[in-house]
Protein backbone atom coordinates (compact mmCIF):
# COMPACT_ATOMS: atom_id res chain seq x y z
CA MET A 1 -1.91 -69.90 28.95
CA LYS A 2 -3.23 -65.87 27.73
CA ILE A 3 -3.93 -64.72 24.55
CA THR A 4 -3.90 -61.17 24.86
CA ASN A 5 -4.11 -59.03 21.90
CA LYS A 6 -4.91 -54.83 21.18
CA PHE A 7 -8.58 -55.61 21.37
CA THR A 8 -8.39 -57.25 25.12
CA GLU A 9 -5.39 -54.57 26.28
CA LEU A 10 -8.07 -51.59 25.60
CA TYR A 11 -11.26 -53.28 27.32
CA HIS A 12 -9.53 -53.39 29.82
CA GLU A 13 -8.18 -50.86 30.53
CA TYR A 14 -11.09 -48.40 29.34
CA LYS A 15 -13.18 -51.03 31.12
CA LEU A 16 -15.60 -48.87 32.78
CA ILE A 17 -16.72 -46.21 29.70
CA PHE A 18 -17.29 -49.77 27.94
CA HIS A 19 -19.90 -50.87 30.57
CA ALA A 20 -21.26 -46.99 30.86
CA PHE A 21 -21.28 -46.72 27.06
CA VAL A 22 -23.34 -50.32 26.31
CA VAL A 23 -26.10 -49.43 29.63
CA GLY A 24 -26.44 -45.97 27.86
CA LEU A 25 -27.36 -47.36 24.46
CA GLY A 26 -28.78 -50.31 25.83
CA LEU A 27 -31.03 -47.64 27.94
CA GLY A 28 -31.98 -45.64 24.72
CA ALA A 29 -32.79 -48.14 22.96
CA LEU A 30 -35.11 -49.05 25.90
CA ILE A 31 -37.26 -45.62 25.63
CA THR A 32 -37.20 -45.58 22.34
CA VAL A 33 -38.90 -48.81 21.92
CA PHE A 34 -40.72 -47.35 24.58
CA ILE A 35 -42.01 -43.87 23.34
CA PHE A 36 -42.05 -45.80 19.28
CA ILE A 37 -44.64 -47.78 20.85
CA LYS A 38 -46.54 -45.23 22.72
CA ALA A 39 -46.45 -42.85 19.61
CA GLN A 40 -48.47 -45.37 16.93
CA PRO A 41 -51.70 -44.39 15.84
CA ASP A 42 -54.50 -46.81 16.56
CA ILE A 43 -55.73 -49.20 14.23
CA PRO A 44 -59.12 -47.95 12.80
CA VAL A 45 -61.38 -51.00 12.65
CA ILE A 46 -63.09 -49.03 10.11
CA LYS A 47 -61.54 -49.33 6.49
CA PRO A 48 -61.39 -44.78 6.47
CA SER A 49 -63.95 -43.03 4.21
CA ALA A 50 -63.71 -40.02 2.02
CA SER A 51 -66.11 -36.98 3.17
CA VAL A 52 -67.53 -34.43 0.66
CA SER A 53 -68.96 -31.13 1.90
CA ASN A 54 -70.96 -29.24 -0.83
CA ILE A 55 -71.12 -25.11 -0.52
CA SER A 56 -73.52 -25.30 -2.94
CA GLY A 57 -74.79 -27.06 -6.77
CA SER A 58 -75.50 -30.70 -7.20
CA PRO A 59 -74.03 -32.49 -4.06
CA LEU A 60 -71.06 -34.88 -4.40
CA ARG A 61 -70.97 -37.99 -3.18
CA VAL A 62 -67.59 -40.48 -3.09
CA ASP A 63 -68.25 -43.50 -4.53
CA ASP A 64 -65.38 -45.08 -4.48
CA ILE A 65 -61.42 -44.61 -3.51
CA LYS A 66 -58.86 -46.38 -5.38
CA SER A 67 -54.97 -45.76 -5.25
CA ASP A 68 -51.90 -47.07 -7.25
CA LYS A 69 -47.84 -46.32 -7.22
CA ASP A 70 -48.11 -42.72 -7.87
CA ASN A 71 -51.86 -41.22 -7.32
CA ILE A 72 -55.12 -41.78 -5.45
CA THR A 73 -58.21 -41.98 -6.91
CA LEU A 74 -61.15 -40.87 -5.46
CA HIS A 75 -64.52 -41.75 -8.30
CA THR A 76 -67.01 -39.41 -7.98
CA SER A 77 -70.66 -38.97 -8.76
CA TYR A 78 -73.37 -35.98 -8.90
CA ASP A 79 -76.88 -36.28 -6.66
CA GLY A 80 -77.36 -34.78 -10.45
CA GLN A 81 -76.17 -34.82 -13.68
CA GLY A 82 -72.32 -35.51 -14.41
CA GLN A 83 -69.54 -37.62 -12.68
CA SER A 84 -65.47 -36.68 -11.95
CA ASN A 85 -62.01 -38.53 -10.88
CA ILE A 86 -60.56 -36.27 -8.23
CA THR A 87 -57.22 -37.44 -9.13
CA ILE A 88 -54.31 -36.58 -5.64
CA PRO A 89 -50.18 -37.57 -5.93
CA SER A 90 -49.06 -39.38 -3.84
CA GLN A 91 -46.24 -37.68 -2.87
CA SER A 92 -48.15 -35.32 -1.24
CA VAL A 93 -49.06 -37.45 1.40
CA PRO A 94 -46.89 -37.11 4.23
CA SER A 95 -46.57 -40.88 4.69
CA ALA A 96 -46.02 -41.53 1.31
CA PHE A 97 -43.42 -39.37 0.82
CA ALA A 98 -41.84 -40.80 3.47
CA TRP A 99 -41.91 -44.46 2.41
CA ASP A 100 -40.94 -43.34 -0.77
CA ASN A 101 -37.63 -41.08 0.02
CA TYR A 102 -36.88 -42.73 3.61
CA ARG A 103 -35.10 -45.80 2.62
CA TRP A 104 -31.74 -45.39 4.58
CA SER A 105 -31.51 -46.72 8.26
CA VAL A 106 -29.03 -47.18 10.54
CA CYS A 107 -28.89 -49.77 13.66
CA GLY A 108 -26.37 -51.19 16.01
CA GLY A 109 -27.10 -54.22 19.70
CA TYR A 110 -25.16 -56.06 21.91
CA MET A 111 -24.76 -59.17 22.45
CA THR A 112 -24.96 -61.55 25.65
CA ASN A 113 -21.23 -62.81 24.44
CA LYS A 114 -19.95 -59.36 24.91
CA THR A 115 -20.47 -58.63 20.90
CA ILE A 116 -21.37 -55.00 20.07
CA LEU A 117 -22.58 -55.07 16.35
CA ALA A 118 -23.22 -51.30 14.08
CA GLY A 119 -24.92 -51.11 10.92
CA VAL A 120 -26.75 -49.51 8.02
CA GLY A 121 -30.04 -50.80 5.93
CA TYR A 122 -32.00 -49.87 2.23
CA ARG A 123 -34.82 -50.52 2.18
CA TYR A 124 -36.09 -51.43 -1.54
CA GLU A 125 -40.08 -51.76 -1.81
CA ARG A 126 -40.95 -54.00 1.18
CA LEU A 127 -37.44 -55.56 0.75
CA THR A 128 -34.57 -54.32 3.05
CA VAL A 129 -31.00 -55.53 3.46
CA SER A 130 -28.38 -54.00 6.59
CA GLY A 131 -25.04 -55.09 6.75
CA GLY A 132 -22.35 -53.82 9.17
CA GLY A 133 -18.94 -54.84 11.42
CA PHE A 134 -19.46 -55.88 14.79
CA ALA A 135 -16.09 -56.80 17.99
CA ARG A 136 -16.21 -59.43 20.53
CA ILE A 137 -14.69 -57.68 23.83
CA GLY A 138 -13.26 -60.48 26.14
CA THR A 139 -10.18 -62.73 26.42
CA GLN A 140 -11.35 -63.95 22.71
CA ALA A 141 -11.37 -60.48 21.38
CA GLU A 142 -12.10 -60.91 17.43
CA ALA A 143 -14.13 -58.44 14.41
CA GLY A 144 -16.15 -59.17 11.91
CA ILE A 145 -18.88 -58.33 9.71
CA TRP A 146 -22.28 -59.21 8.88
CA CYS A 147 -24.79 -58.60 6.54
CA MET A 148 -29.12 -59.58 6.92
CA ALA A 149 -32.20 -59.12 5.01
CA SER A 150 -35.75 -58.55 6.08
CA TRP A 151 -39.22 -58.27 4.39
CA SER A 152 -42.08 -56.49 5.82
CA PHE A 153 -45.51 -57.78 5.12
CA LYS A 154 -48.68 -55.86 4.65
CA SER A 155 -50.96 -55.43 7.01
CA TRP A 156 -54.21 -57.49 6.91
CA TRP A 157 -56.70 -55.25 8.90
């Protein structure tokens, strides 16, 4: 007894197009991962420090760098008299702006049991929640929804 439904009929009718689409998705994902890995900056071995170029007057030194959610603060001192704090709003740093403002993501995949899935995700601080739909094609075609969550850890280097 062979079970057929609309998904199975569409699959058999457009099998070649479907397989080409899946292979294209796979190659696209592979190329994206390769470019992502190659585009990663080298991880600094030594923690970066601020440098100061004095133009005139008493030389300025950066004693300490602190950051919180909103600002980066440089505690400074002079070789002569005086101290200053230089505050840089975090949103003026491109990576901080991206972290605070680019929260939505899309995802997709293909599993070996002929299941295709696609979905969207939203990141809140370090927690990302994603969800979407899936469809399995074949003699026992089915469809449904999925949901997952992930946590981003702080780097340890």
